[in-house]
Amino acid sequence: LTTRDPRRLLDEGTIDLAVGFFPAVVADLTAQAQGSGLAAFNHQR
């Protein structure tokens, strides 16, 4: 893992799954879900 935001790698299909501590990404996805309800990524603790 070379970044705290692996969304580009997931979007490009370079990896199937990223595992790590992604506080900024999770906060962003939570905000998107509370707003539009649409997010391009999902996560599980």
Full PDB file with SEQRES, HELIX, SHEET, SSBOND, CRYST1, ORIGX, SCALE, CONECT and MASTER records, all heavy atoms in Angstrom:
SEQRES   1 A   45  LEU THR THR ARG ASP PRO ARG ARG LEU LEU ASP GLU GLY          
SEQRES   2 A   45  THR ILE ASP LEU ALA VAL GLY PHE PHE PRO ALA VAL VAL          
SEQRES   3 A   45  ALA ASP LEU THR ALA GLN ALA GLN GLY SER GLY LEU ALA          
SEQRES   4 A   45  ALA PHE ASN HIS GLN ARG                                      
HELIX    1 AA1 ARG A    7  GLU A   12  1                                   6    
HELIX    2 AA2 PRO A   23  GLY A   35  1                                  13    
CRYST1    1.000    1.000    1.000  90.00  90.00  90.00 P 1           1          
ORIGX1      1.000000  0.000000  0.000000        0.00000                         
ORIGX2      0.000000  1.000000  0.000000        0.00000                         
ORIGX3      0.000000  0.000000  1.000000        0.00000                         
SCALE1      1.000000  0.000000  0.000000        0.00000                         
SCALE2      0.000000  1.000000  0.000000        0.00000                         
SCALE3      0.000000  0.000000  1.000000        0.00000                         
ATOM      1  N   LEU A   1       0.851  -1.179   0.000  1.00  0.00           N  
ATOM      2  CA  LEU A   1       0.000   0.000   0.000  1.00  0.00           C  
ATOM      3  C   LEU A   1       0.891   1.235   0.000  1.00  0.00           C  
ATOM      4  O   LEU A   1       1.747   1.386   0.870  1.00  0.00           O  
ATOM      5  CB  LEU A   1      -0.895  -0.013   1.239  1.00  0.00           C  
ATOM      6  CG  LEU A   1      -2.000   1.038   1.300  1.00  0.00           C  
ATOM      7  CD1 LEU A   1      -3.038   0.794   0.222  1.00  0.00           C  
ATOM      8  CD2 LEU A   1      -2.660   1.021   2.675  1.00  0.00           C  
ATOM      9  N   THR A   2       0.704   2.118  -0.958  1.00  0.00           N  
ATOM     10  CA  THR A   2       1.581   3.283  -1.093  1.00  0.00           C  
ATOM     11  C   THR A   2       0.837   4.591  -0.910  1.00  0.00           C  
ATOM     12  O   THR A   2       1.387   5.656  -1.183  1.00  0.00           O  
ATOM     13  CB  THR A   2       2.264   3.278  -2.473  1.00  0.00           C  
ATOM     14  OG1 THR A   2       1.255   3.260  -3.496  1.00  0.00           O  
ATOM     15  CG2 THR A   2       3.168   2.063  -2.636  1.00  0.00           C  
ATOM     16  N   THR A   3      -0.411   4.530  -0.456  1.00  0.00           N  
ATOM     17  CA  THR A   3      -1.215   5.742  -0.317  1.00  0.00           C  
ATOM     18  C   THR A   3      -2.304   5.524   0.719  1.00  0.00           C  
ATOM     19  O   THR A   3      -2.726   4.392   0.951  1.00  0.00           O  
ATOM     20  CB  THR A   3      -1.851   6.120  -1.668  1.00  0.00           C  
ATOM     21  OG1 THR A   3      -2.724   7.240  -1.495  1.00  0.00           O  
ATOM     22  CG2 THR A   3      -2.647   4.967  -2.253  1.00  0.00           C  
ATOM     23  N   ARG A   4      -2.755   6.618   1.338  1.00  0.00           N  
ATOM     24  CA  ARG A   4      -3.904   6.548   2.235  1.00  0.00           C  
ATOM     25  C   ARG A   4      -5.215   6.731   1.479  1.00  0.00           C  
ATOM     26  O   ARG A   4      -6.287   6.693   2.078  1.00  0.00           O  
ATOM     27  CB  ARG A   4      -3.791   7.625   3.316  1.00  0.00           C  
ATOM     28  CG  ARG A   4      -2.708   7.379   4.355  1.00  0.00           C  
ATOM     29  CD  ARG A   4      -3.052   6.246   5.266  1.00  0.00           C  
ATOM     30  NE  ARG A   4      -2.051   6.088   6.336  1.00  0.00           N  
ATOM     31  CZ  ARG A   4      -1.956   5.029   7.100  1.00  0.00           C  
ATOM     32  NH1 ARG A   4      -2.780   4.010   6.926  1.00  0.00           N  
ATOM     33  NH2 ARG A   4      -1.039   4.954   8.042  1.00  0.00           N  
ATOM     34  N   ASP A   5      -5.131   6.928   0.167  1.00  0.00           N  
ATOM     35  CA  ASP A   5      -6.340   7.058  -0.655  1.00  0.00           C  
ATOM     36  C   ASP A   5      -6.178   6.209  -1.914  1.00  0.00           C  
ATOM     37  O   ASP A   5      -5.715   6.685  -2.949  1.00  0.00           O  
ATOM     38  CB  ASP A   5      -6.593   8.517  -1.032  1.00  0.00           C  
ATOM     39  CG  ASP A   5      -7.942   8.712  -1.728  1.00  0.00           C  
ATOM     40  OD1 ASP A   5      -8.589   7.687  -2.075  1.00  0.00           O  
ATOM     41  OD2 ASP A   5      -8.344   9.866  -1.925  1.00  0.00           O  
ATOM     42  N   PRO A   6      -6.529   4.923  -1.846  1.00  0.00           N  
ATOM     43  CA  PRO A   6      -6.308   4.015  -2.973  1.00  0.00           C  
ATOM     44  C   PRO A   6      -7.449   3.986  -3.989  1.00  0.00           C  
ATOM     45  O   PRO A   6      -7.536   3.058  -4.798  1.00  0.00           O  
ATOM     46  CB  PRO A   6      -6.182   2.655  -2.271  1.00  0.00           C  
ATOM     47  CG  PRO A   6      -7.103   2.774  -1.098  1.00  0.00           C  
ATOM     48  CD  PRO A   6      -7.051   4.214  -0.669  1.00  0.00           C  
ATOM     49  N   ARG A   7      -8.316   4.986  -3.974  1.00  0.00           N  
ATOM     50  CA  ARG A   7      -9.475   4.945  -4.866  1.00  0.00           C  
ATOM     51  C   ARG A   7      -9.093   4.938  -6.340  1.00  0.00           C  
ATOM     52  O   ARG A   7      -9.768   4.315  -7.164  1.00  0.00           O  
ATOM     53  CB  ARG A   7     -10.422   6.105  -4.546  1.00  0.00           C  
ATOM     54  CG  ARG A   7     -11.239   5.879  -3.282  1.00  0.00           C  
ATOM     55  CD  ARG A   7     -12.133   7.048  -2.942  1.00  0.00           C  
ATOM     56  NE  ARG A   7     -11.369   8.196  -2.444  1.00  0.00           N  
ATOM     57  CZ  ARG A   7     -11.928   9.302  -1.974  1.00  0.00           C  
ATOM     58  NH1 ARG A   7     -13.252   9.426  -1.948  1.00  0.00           N  
ATOM     59  NH2 ARG A   7     -11.182  10.290  -1.515  1.00  0.00           N  
ATOM     60  N   ARG A   8      -8.008   5.617  -6.690  1.00  0.00           N  
ATOM     61  CA  ARG A   8      -7.602   5.614  -8.101  1.00  0.00           C  
ATOM     62  C   ARG A   8      -7.207   4.201  -8.537  1.00  0.00           C  
ATOM     63  O   ARG A   8      -7.558   3.758  -9.638  1.00  0.00           O  
ATOM     64  CB  ARG A   8      -6.433   6.576  -8.311  1.00  0.00           C  
ATOM     65  CG  ARG A   8      -5.952   6.635  -9.772  1.00  0.00           C  
ATOM     66  CD  ARG A   8      -4.783   7.581  -9.950  1.00  0.00           C  
ATOM     67  NE  ARG A   8      -3.637   7.163  -9.164  1.00  0.00           N  
ATOM     68  CZ  ARG A   8      -2.772   6.228  -9.540  1.00  0.00           C  
ATOM     69  NH1 ARG A   8      -2.949   5.590 -10.697  1.00  0.00           N  
ATOM     70  NH2 ARG A   8      -1.743   5.917  -8.784  1.00  0.00           N  
ATOM     71  N   LEU A   9      -6.492   3.475  -7.685  1.00  0.00           N  
ATOM     72  CA  LEU A   9      -6.085   2.109  -8.003  1.00  0.00           C  
ATOM     73  C   LEU A   9      -7.295   1.204  -8.171  1.00  0.00           C  
ATOM     74  O   LEU A   9      -7.333   0.334  -9.046  1.00  0.00           O  
ATOM     75  CB  LEU A   9      -5.174   1.560  -6.904  1.00  0.00           C  
ATOM     76  CG  LEU A   9      -3.858   2.298  -6.674  1.00  0.00           C  
ATOM     77  CD1 LEU A   9      -3.143   1.731  -5.442  1.00  0.00           C  
ATOM     78  CD2 LEU A   9      -2.962   2.197  -7.905  1.00  0.00           C  
ATOM     79  N   LEU A  10      -8.299   1.413  -7.331  1.00  0.00           N  
ATOM     80  CA  LEU A  10      -9.526   0.621  -7.434  1.00  0.00           C  
ATOM     81  C   LEU A  10     -10.312   0.992  -8.682  1.00  0.00           C  
ATOM     82  O   LEU A  10     -10.870   0.126  -9.366  1.00  0.00           O  
ATOM     83  CB  LEU A  10     -10.387   0.831  -6.193  1.00  0.00           C  
ATOM     84  CG  LEU A  10      -9.813   0.262  -4.890  1.00  0.00           C  
ATOM     85  CD1 LEU A  10     -10.515   0.883  -3.690  1.00  0.00           C  
ATOM     86  CD2 LEU A  10      -9.933  -1.255  -4.863  1.00  0.00           C  
ATOM     87  N   ASP A  11     -10.361   2.266  -8.996  1.00  0.00           N  
ATOM     88  CA  ASP A  11     -11.098   2.731 -10.163  1.00  0.00           C  
ATOM     89  C   ASP A  11     -10.462   2.216 -11.446  1.00  0.00           C  
ATOM     90  O   ASP A  11     -11.161   1.810 -12.383  1.00  0.00           O  
ATOM     91  CB  ASP A  11     -11.143   4.261 -10.168  1.00  0.00           C  
ATOM     92  CG  ASP A  11     -12.056   4.807 -11.255  1.00  0.00           C  
ATOM     93  OD1 ASP A  11     -13.164   4.264 -11.424  1.00  0.00           O  
ATOM     94  OD2 ASP A  11     -11.668   5.762 -11.943  1.00  0.00           O  
ATOM     95  N   GLU A  12      -9.128   2.191 -11.485  1.00  0.00           N  
ATOM     96  CA  GLU A  12      -8.422   1.708 -12.672  1.00  0.00           C  
ATOM     97  C   GLU A  12      -8.431   0.185 -12.751  1.00  0.00           C  
ATOM     98  O   GLU A  12      -8.090  -0.376 -13.798  1.00  0.00           O  
ATOM     99  CB  GLU A  12      -6.975   2.201 -12.658  1.00  0.00           C  
ATOM    100  CG  GLU A  12      -6.835   3.710 -12.828  1.00  0.00           C  
ATOM    101  CD  GLU A  12      -5.402   4.181 -12.683  1.00  0.00           C  
ATOM    102  OE1 GLU A  12      -4.538   3.341 -12.312  1.00  0.00           O  
ATOM    103  OE2 GLU A  12      -5.133   5.363 -12.943  1.00  0.00           O  
ATOM    104  N   GLY A  13      -8.798  -0.471 -11.674  1.00  0.00           N  
ATOM    105  CA  GLY A  13      -8.810  -1.929 -11.667  1.00  0.00           C  
ATOM    106  C   GLY A  13      -7.455  -2.545 -11.415  1.00  0.00           C  
ATOM    107  O   GLY A  13      -7.273  -3.745 -11.602  1.00  0.00           O  
ATOM    108  N   THR A  14      -6.487  -1.749 -10.965  1.00  0.00           N  
ATOM    109  CA  THR A  14      -5.162  -2.275 -10.659  1.00  0.00           C  
ATOM    110  C   THR A  14      -5.237  -3.269  -9.506  1.00  0.00           C  
ATOM    111  O   THR A  14      -4.480  -4.235  -9.455  1.00  0.00           O  
ATOM    112  CB  THR A  14      -4.202  -1.124 -10.297  1.00  0.00           C  
ATOM    113  OG1 THR A  14      -4.180  -0.183 -11.374  1.00  0.00           O  
ATOM    114  CG2 THR A  14      -2.794  -1.643 -10.044  1.00  0.00           C  
ATOM    115  N   ILE A  15      -6.149  -3.018  -8.571  1.00  0.00           N  
ATOM    116  CA  ILE A  15      -6.351  -3.915  -7.429  1.00  0.00           C  
ATOM    117  C   ILE A  15      -7.841  -4.213  -7.289  1.00  0.00           C  
ATOM    118  O   ILE A  15      -8.691  -3.441  -7.741  1.00  0.00           O  
ATOM    119  CB  ILE A  15      -5.810  -3.314  -6.121  1.00  0.00           C  
ATOM    120  CG1 ILE A  15      -6.482  -1.968  -5.822  1.00  0.00           C  
ATOM    121  CG2 ILE A  15      -4.297  -3.169  -6.180  1.00  0.00           C  
ATOM    122  CD1 ILE A  15      -6.077  -1.349  -4.494  1.00  0.00           C  
ATOM    123  N   ASP A  16      -8.147  -5.338  -6.662  1.00  0.00           N  
ATOM    124  CA  ASP A  16      -9.540  -5.703  -6.396  1.00  0.00           C  
ATOM    125  C   ASP A  16     -10.021  -5.150  -5.063  1.00  0.00           C  
ATOM    126  O   ASP A  16     -11.215  -4.875  -4.887  1.00  0.00           O  
ATOM    127  CB  ASP A  16      -9.684  -7.236  -6.374  1.00  0.00           C  
ATOM    128  CG  ASP A  16      -9.378  -7.863  -7.712  1.00  0.00           C  
ATOM    129  OD1 ASP A  16     -10.069  -7.527  -8.689  1.00  0.00           O  
ATOM    130  OD2 ASP A  16      -8.430  -8.676  -7.782  1.00  0.00           O  
ATOM    131  N   LEU A  17      -9.095  -4.988  -4.125  1.00  0.00           N  
ATOM    132  CA  LEU A  17      -9.470  -4.613  -2.771  1.00  0.00           C  
ATOM    133  C   LEU A  17      -8.278  -3.935  -2.113  1.00  0.00           C  
ATOM    134  O   LEU A  17      -7.138  -4.369  -2.283  1.00  0.00           O  
ATOM    135  CB  LEU A  17      -9.851  -5.875  -1.978  1.00  0.00           C  
ATOM    136  CG  LEU A  17     -10.698  -5.747  -0.724  1.00  0.00           C  
ATOM    137  CD1 LEU A  17     -12.106  -5.281  -1.069  1.00  0.00           C  
ATOM    138  CD2 LEU A  17     -10.771  -7.099  -0.011  1.00  0.00           C  
ATOM    139  N   ALA A  18      -8.554  -2.871  -1.375  1.00  0.00           N  
ATOM    140  CA  ALA A  18      -7.524  -2.224  -0.567  1.00  0.00           C  
ATOM    141  C   ALA A  18      -7.893  -2.402   0.892  1.00  0.00           C  
ATOM    142  O   ALA A  18      -9.069  -2.344   1.256  1.00  0.00           O  
ATOM    143  CB  ALA A  18      -7.413  -0.744  -0.911  1.00  0.00           C  
ATOM    144  N   VAL A  19      -6.901  -2.626   1.724  1.00  0.00           N  
ATOM    145  CA  VAL A  19      -7.137  -2.826   3.149  1.00  0.00           C  
ATOM    146  C   VAL A  19      -6.193  -1.918   3.921  1.00  0.00           C  
ATOM    147  O   VAL A  19      -4.979  -1.950   3.701  1.00  0.00           O  
ATOM    148  CB  VAL A  19      -6.908  -4.293   3.566  1.00  0.00           C  
ATOM    149  CG1 VAL A  19      -7.256  -4.486   5.036  1.00  0.00           C  
ATOM    150  CG2 VAL A  19      -7.715  -5.240   2.699  1.00  0.00           C  
ATOM    151  N   GLY A  20      -6.749  -1.097   4.807  1.00  0.00           N  
ATOM    152  CA  GLY A  20      -5.887  -0.212   5.570  1.00  0.00           C  
ATOM    153  C   GLY A  20      -6.670   0.801   6.373  1.00  0.00           C  
ATOM    154  O   GLY A  20      -7.894   0.709   6.534  1.00  0.00           O  
ATOM    155  N   PHE A  21      -5.948   1.801   6.861  1.00  0.00           N  
ATOM    156  CA  PHE A  21      -6.493   2.883   7.666  1.00  0.00           C  
ATOM    157  C   PHE A  21      -6.705   4.070   6.744  1.00  0.00           C  
ATOM    158  O   PHE A  21      -5.753   4.742   6.350  1.00  0.00           O  
ATOM    159  CB  PHE A  21      -5.501   3.208   8.793  1.00  0.00           C  
ATOM    160  CG  PHE A  21      -5.937   4.313   9.711  1.00  0.00           C  
ATOM    161  CD1 PHE A  21      -7.250   4.431  10.149  1.00  0.00           C  
ATOM    162  CD2 PHE A  21      -5.012   5.239  10.179  1.00  0.00           C  
ATOM    163  CE1 PHE A  21      -7.639   5.446  11.010  1.00  0.00           C  
ATOM    164  CE2 PHE A  21      -5.378   6.248  11.044  1.00  0.00           C  
ATOM    165  CZ  PHE A  21      -6.695   6.346  11.454  1.00  0.00           C  
ATOM    166  N   PHE A  22      -7.975   4.322   6.362  1.00  0.00           N  
ATOM    167  CA  PHE A  22      -8.303   5.343   5.364  1.00  0.00           C  
ATOM    168  C   PHE A  22      -9.299   6.358   5.946  1.00  0.00           C  
ATOM    169  O   PHE A  22     -10.436   6.457   5.469  1.00  0.00           O  
ATOM    170  CB  PHE A  22      -8.908   4.696   4.111  1.00  0.00           C  
ATOM    171  CG  PHE A  22      -8.126   3.543   3.552  1.00  0.00           C  
ATOM    172  CD1 PHE A  22      -8.735   2.301   3.350  1.00  0.00           C  
ATOM    173  CD2 PHE A  22      -6.800   3.680   3.200  1.00  0.00           C  
ATOM    174  CE1 PHE A  22      -8.033   1.237   2.821  1.00  0.00           C  
ATOM    175  CE2 PHE A  22      -6.077   2.620   2.671  1.00  0.00           C  
ATOM    176  CZ  PHE A  22      -6.688   1.396   2.476  1.00  0.00           C  
ATOM    177  N   PRO A  23      -8.931   7.083   6.980  1.00  0.00           N  
ATOM    178  CA  PRO A  23      -9.914   7.950   7.647  1.00  0.00           C  
ATOM    179  C   PRO A  23     -10.515   9.014   6.743  1.00  0.00           C  
ATOM    180  O   PRO A  23     -11.725   9.278   6.801  1.00  0.00           O  
ATOM    181  CB  PRO A  23      -9.105   8.568   8.800  1.00  0.00           C  
ATOM    182  CG  PRO A  23      -7.675   8.409   8.412  1.00  0.00           C  
ATOM    183  CD  PRO A  23      -7.611   7.137   7.625  1.00  0.00           C  
ATOM    184  N   ALA A  24      -9.694   9.650   5.901  1.00  0.00           N  
ATOM    185  CA  ALA A  24     -10.216  10.708   5.032  1.00  0.00           C  
ATOM    186  C   ALA A  24     -11.157  10.138   3.978  1.00  0.00           C  
ATOM    187  O   ALA A  24     -12.190  10.743   3.649  1.00  0.00           O  
ATOM    188  CB  ALA A  24      -9.057  11.459   4.361  1.00  0.00           C  
ATOM    189  N   VAL A  25     -10.825   8.968   3.438  1.00  0.00           N  
ATOM    190  CA  VAL A  25     -11.669   8.331   2.427  1.00  0.00           C  
ATOM    191  C   VAL A  25     -13.019   7.937   3.033  1.00  0.00           C  
ATOM    192  O   VAL A  25     -14.077   8.195   2.448  1.00  0.00           O  
ATOM    193  CB  VAL A  25     -10.974   7.092   1.835  1.00  0.00           C  
ATOM    194  CG1 VAL A  25     -11.923   6.345   0.880  1.00  0.00           C  
ATOM    195  CG2 VAL A  25      -9.697   7.483   1.108  1.00  0.00           C  
ATOM    196  N   VAL A  26     -12.994   7.312   4.207  1.00  0.00           N  
ATOM    197  CA  VAL A  26     -14.237   6.883   4.848  1.00  0.00           C  
ATOM    198  C   VAL A  26     -15.106   8.087   5.186  1.00  0.00           C  
ATOM    199  O   VAL A  26     -16.340   8.060   5.006  1.00  0.00           O  
ATOM    200  CB  VAL A  26     -13.927   6.051   6.108  1.00  0.00           C  
ATOM    201  CG1 VAL A  26     -15.197   5.781   6.907  1.00  0.00           C  
ATOM    202  CG2 VAL A  26     -13.270   4.733   5.713  1.00  0.00           C  
ATOM    203  N   ALA A  27     -14.501   9.175   5.657  1.00  0.00           N  
ATOM    204  CA  ALA A  27     -15.263  10.385   5.960  1.00  0.00           C  
ATOM    205  C   ALA A  27     -15.906  10.945   4.698  1.00  0.00           C  
ATOM    206  O   ALA A  27     -17.071  11.379   4.708  1.00  0.00           O  
ATOM    207  CB  ALA A  27     -14.344  11.432   6.593  1.00  0.00           C  
ATOM    208  N   ASP A  28     -15.168  10.919   3.585  1.00  0.00           N  
ATOM    209  CA  ASP A  28     -15.700  11.416   2.325  1.00  0.00           C  
ATOM    210  C   ASP A  28     -16.865  10.551   1.837  1.00  0.00           C  
ATOM    211  O   ASP A  28     -17.905  11.065   1.399  1.00  0.00           O  
ATOM    212  CB  ASP A  28     -14.581  11.448   1.279  1.00  0.00           C  
ATOM    213  CG  ASP A  28     -15.004  12.110  -0.027  1.00  0.00           C  
ATOM    214  OD1 ASP A  28     -15.833  13.052   0.024  1.00  0.00           O  
ATOM    215  OD2 ASP A  28     -14.518  11.697  -1.090  1.00  0.00           O  
ATOM    216  N   LEU A  29     -16.720   9.229   1.922  1.00  0.00           N  
ATOM    217  CA  LEU A  29     -17.784   8.327   1.483  1.00  0.00           C  
ATOM    218  C   LEU A  29     -19.024   8.469   2.367  1.00  0.00           C  
ATOM    219  O   LEU A  29     -20.153   8.393   1.873  1.00  0.00           O  
ATOM    220  CB  LEU A  29     -17.286   6.882   1.497  1.00  0.00           C  
ATOM    221  CG  LEU A  29     -16.160   6.540   0.525  1.00  0.00           C  
ATOM    222  CD1 LEU A  29     -15.767   5.080   0.661  1.00  0.00           C  
ATOM    223  CD2 LEU A  29     -16.560   6.847  -0.917  1.00  0.00           C  
ATOM    224  N   THR A  30     -18.817   8.679   3.666  1.00  0.00           N  
ATOM    225  CA  THR A  30     -19.940   8.876   4.581  1.00  0.00           C  
ATOM    226  C   THR A  30     -20.701  10.149   4.225  1.00  0.00           C  
ATOM    227  O   THR A  30     -21.939  10.175   4.210  1.00  0.00           O  
ATOM    228  CB  THR A  30     -19.440   8.945   6.032  1.00  0.00           C  
ATOM    229  OG1 THR A  30     -18.761   7.723   6.347  1.00  0.00           O  
ATOM    230  CG2 THR A  30     -20.602   9.143   6.996  1.00  0.00           C  
ATOM    231  N   ALA A  31     -19.952  11.209   3.912  1.00  0.00           N  
ATOM    232  CA  ALA A  31     -20.584  12.475   3.527  1.00  0.00           C  
ATOM    233  C   ALA A  31     -21.367  12.317   2.229  1.00  0.00           C  
ATOM    234  O   ALA A  31     -22.473  12.848   2.084  1.00  0.00           O  
ATOM    235  CB  ALA A  31     -19.527  13.562   3.384  1.00  0.00           C  
ATOM    236  N   GLN A  32     -20.811  11.577   1.272  1.00  0.00           N  
ATOM    237  CA  GLN A  32     -21.512  11.345   0.012  1.00  0.00           C  
ATOM    238  C   GLN A  32     -22.802  10.566   0.243  1.00  0.00           C  
ATOM    239  O   GLN A  32     -23.832  10.868  -0.354  1.00  0.00           O  
ATOM    240  CB  GLN A  32     -20.605  10.585  -0.957  1.00  0.00           C  
ATOM    241  CG  GLN A  32     -19.415  11.373  -1.479  1.00  0.00           C  
ATOM    242  CD  GLN A  32     -18.558  10.543  -2.427  1.00  0.00           C  
ATOM    243  OE1 GLN A  32     -19.067   9.740  -3.203  1.00  0.00           O  
ATOM    244  NE2 GLN A  32     -17.257  10.730  -2.357  1.00  0.00           N  
ATOM    245  N   ALA A  33     -22.720   9.551   1.095  1.00  0.00           N  
ATOM    246  CA  ALA A  33     -23.909   8.731   1.374  1.00  0.00           C  
ATOM    247  C   ALA A  33     -25.005   9.545   2.045  1.00  0.00           C  
ATOM    248  O   ALA A  33     -26.200   9.351   1.781  1.00  0.00           O  
ATOM    249  CB  ALA A  33     -23.524   7.542   2.242  1.00  0.00           C  
ATOM    250  N   GLN A  34     -24.612  10.468   2.911  1.00  0.00           N  
ATOM    251  CA  GLN A  34     -25.585  11.301   3.602  1.00  0.00           C  
ATOM    252  C   GLN A  34     -26.160  12.389   2.697  1.00  0.00           C  
ATOM    253  O   GLN A  34     -27.249  12.900   2.949  1.00  0.00           O  
ATOM    254  CB  GLN A  34     -24.942  11.935   4.831  1.00  0.00           C  
ATOM    255  CG  GLN A  34     -24.591  10.932   5.913  1.00  0.00           C  
ATOM    256  CD  GLN A  34     -23.807  11.542   7.053  1.00  0.00           C  
ATOM    257  OE1 GLN A  34     -23.307  12.670   6.943  1.00  0.00           O  
ATOM    258  NE2 GLN A  34     -23.694  10.808   8.156  1.00  0.00           N  
ATOM    259  N   GLY A  35     -25.408  12.711   1.643  1.00  0.00           N  
ATOM    260  CA  GLY A  35     -25.869  13.728   0.707  1.00  0.00           C  
ATOM    261  C   GLY A  35     -26.688  13.129  -0.415  1.00  0.00           C  
ATOM    262  O   GLY A  35     -27.908  12.967  -0.319  1.00  0.00           O  
ATOM    263  N   SER A  36     -26.002  12.727  -1.481  1.00  0.00           N  
ATOM    264  CA  SER A  36     -26.688  12.181  -2.652  1.00  0.00           C  
ATOM    265  C   SER A  36     -27.107  10.735  -2.460  1.00  0.00           C  
ATOM    266  O   SER A  36     -27.978  10.227  -3.165  1.00  0.00           O  
ATOM    267  CB  SER A  36     -25.774  12.274  -3.877  1.00  0.00           C  
ATOM    268  OG  SER A  36     -24.628  11.446  -3.714  1.00  0.00           O  
ATOM    269  N   GLY A  37     -26.452  10.058  -1.517  1.00  0.00           N  
ATOM    270  CA  GLY A  37     -26.733   8.640  -1.348  1.00  0.00           C  
ATOM    271  C   GLY A  37     -25.991   7.776  -2.344  1.00  0.00           C  
ATOM    272  O   GLY A  37     -26.093   6.558  -2.321  1.00  0.00           O  
ATOM    273  N   LEU A  38     -25.206   8.400  -3.227  1.00  0.00           N  
ATOM    274  CA  LEU A  38     -24.467   7.671  -4.256  1.00  0.00           C  
ATOM    275  C   LEU A  38     -22.974   7.796  -3.991  1.00  0.00           C  
ATOM    276  O   LEU A  38     -22.457   8.886  -3.764  1.00  0.00           O  
ATOM    277  CB  LEU A  38     -24.789   8.226  -5.643  1.00  0.00           C  
ATOM    278  CG  LEU A  38     -26.253   8.145  -6.083  1.00  0.00           C  
ATOM    279  CD1 LEU A  38     -26.439   8.860  -7.420  1.00  0.00           C  
ATOM    280  CD2 LEU A  38     -26.700   6.691  -6.183  1.00  0.00           C  
ATOM    281  N   ALA A  39     -22.278   6.698  -3.985  1.00  0.00           N  
ATOM    282  CA  ALA A  39     -20.830   6.696  -3.820  1.00  0.00           C  
ATOM    283  C   ALA A  39     -20.256   5.616  -4.727  1.00  0.00           C  
ATOM    284  O   ALA A  39     -20.861   4.552  -4.905  1.00  0.00           O  
ATOM    285  CB  ALA A  39     -20.440   6.448  -2.369  1.00  0.00           C  
ATOM    286  N   ALA A  40     -19.100   5.901  -5.295  1.00  0.00           N  
ATOM    287  CA  ALA A  40     -18.489   4.955  -6.232  1.00  0.00           C  
ATOM    288  C   ALA A  40     -17.750   3.841  -5.519  1.00  0.00           C  
ATOM    289  O   ALA A  40     -17.330   2.875  -6.154  1.00  0.00           O  
ATOM    290  CB  ALA A  40     -17.534   5.698  -7.169  1.00  0.00           C  
ATOM    291  N   PHE A  41     -17.594   3.948  -4.189  1.00  0.00           N  
ATOM    292  CA  PHE A  41     -16.820   2.964  -3.446  1.00  0.00           C  
ATOM    293  C   PHE A  41     -17.578   2.549  -2.192  1.00  0.00           C  
ATOM    294  O   PHE A  41     -18.369   3.309  -1.641  1.00  0.00           O  
ATOM    295  CB  PHE A  41     -15.448   3.541  -3.057  1.00  0.00           C  
ATOM    296  CG  PHE A  41     -14.633   3.991  -4.237  1.00  0.00           C  
ATOM    297  CD1 PHE A  41     -14.769   5.285  -4.726  1.00  0.00           C  
ATOM    298  CD2 PHE A  41     -13.762   3.131  -4.868  1.00  0.00           C  
ATOM    299  CE1 PHE A  41     -14.038   5.704  -5.825  1.00  0.00           C  
ATOM    300  CE2 PHE A  41     -13.033   3.538  -5.966  1.00  0.00           C  
ATOM    301  CZ  PHE A  41     -13.173   4.822  -6.444  1.00  0.00           C  
ATOM    302  N   ASN A  42     -17.283   1.331  -1.738  1.00  0.00           N  
ATOM    303  CA  ASN A  42     -17.878   0.809  -0.516  1.00  0.00           C  
ATOM    304  C   ASN A  42     -16.768   0.365   0.428  1.00  0.00           C  
ATOM    305  O   ASN A  42     -15.630   0.106  -0.012  1.00  0.00           O  
ATOM    306  CB  ASN A  42     -18.800  -0.371  -0.826  1.00  0.00           C  
ATOM    307  CG  ASN A  42     -19.981   0.039  -1.671  1.00  0.00           C  
ATOM    308  OD1 ASN A  42     -20.607   1.062  -1.404  1.00  0.00           O  
ATOM    309  ND2 ASN A  42     -20.291  -0.731  -2.697  1.00  0.00           N  
ATOM    310  N   HIS A  43     -17.098   0.239   1.704  1.00  0.00           N  
ATOM    311  CA  HIS A  43     -16.075  -0.150   2.676  1.00  0.00           C  
ATOM    312  C   HIS A  43     -16.709  -0.963   3.792  1.00  0.00           C  
ATOM    313  O   HIS A  43     -17.923  -0.928   4.012  1.00  0.00           O  
ATOM    314  CB  HIS A  43     -15.363   1.087   3.241  1.00  0.00           C  
ATOM    315  CG  HIS A  43     -16.266   2.008   4.008  1.00  0.00           C  
ATOM    316  ND1 HIS A  43     -16.385   1.972   5.384  1.00  0.00           N  
ATOM    317  CD2 HIS A  43     -17.109   2.995   3.588  1.00  0.00           C  
ATOM    318  CE1 HIS A  43     -17.241   2.892   5.771  1.00  0.00           C  
ATOM    319  NE2 HIS A  43     -17.706   3.538   4.713  1.00  0.00           N  
ATOM    320  N   GLN A  44     -15.856  -1.694   4.507  1.00  0.00           N  
ATOM    321  CA  GLN A  44     -16.293  -2.510   5.645  1.00  0.00           C  
ATOM    322  C   GLN A  44     -15.178  -2.516   6.684  1.00  0.00           C  
ATOM    323  O   GLN A  44     -14.010  -2.744   6.346  1.00  0.00           O  
ATOM    324  CB  GLN A  44     -16.587  -3.942   5.215  1.00  0.00           C  
ATOM    325  CG  GLN A  44     -17.043  -4.861   6.355  1.00  0.00           C  
ATOM    326  CD  GLN A  44     -17.306  -6.275   5.880  1.00  0.00           C  
ATOM    327  OE1 GLN A  44     -16.589  -6.797   5.039  1.00  0.00           O  
ATOM    328  NE2 GLN A  44     -18.341  -6.900   6.421  1.00  0.00           N  
ATOM    329  N   ARG A  45     -15.526  -2.261   7.936  1.00  0.00           N  
ATOM    330  CA  ARG A  45     -14.515  -2.283   8.991  1.00  0.00           C  
ATOM    331  C   ARG A  45     -14.152  -3.718   9.330  1.00  0.00           C  
ATOM    332  O   ARG A  45     -15.020  -4.569   9.525  1.00  0.00           O  
ATOM    333  CB  ARG A  45     -15.023  -1.563  10.239  1.00  0.00           C  
ATOM    334  CG  ARG A  45     -13.978  -1.491  11.364  1.00  0.00           C  
ATOM    335  CD  ARG A  45     -14.382  -0.505  12.436  1.00  0.00           C  
ATOM    336  NE  ARG A  45     -14.547   0.831  11.869  1.00  0.00           N  
ATOM    337  CZ  ARG A  45     -14.977   1.876  12.559  1.00  0.00           C  
ATOM    338  NH1 ARG A  45     -15.297   1.734  13.841  1.00  0.00           N  
ATOM    339  NH2 ARG A  45     -15.098   3.057  11.991  1.00  0.00           N  
TER     340      ARG A  45                                                      
MASTER        0    0    0    2    0    0    0    6  339    1    0    4          
END                                                                             
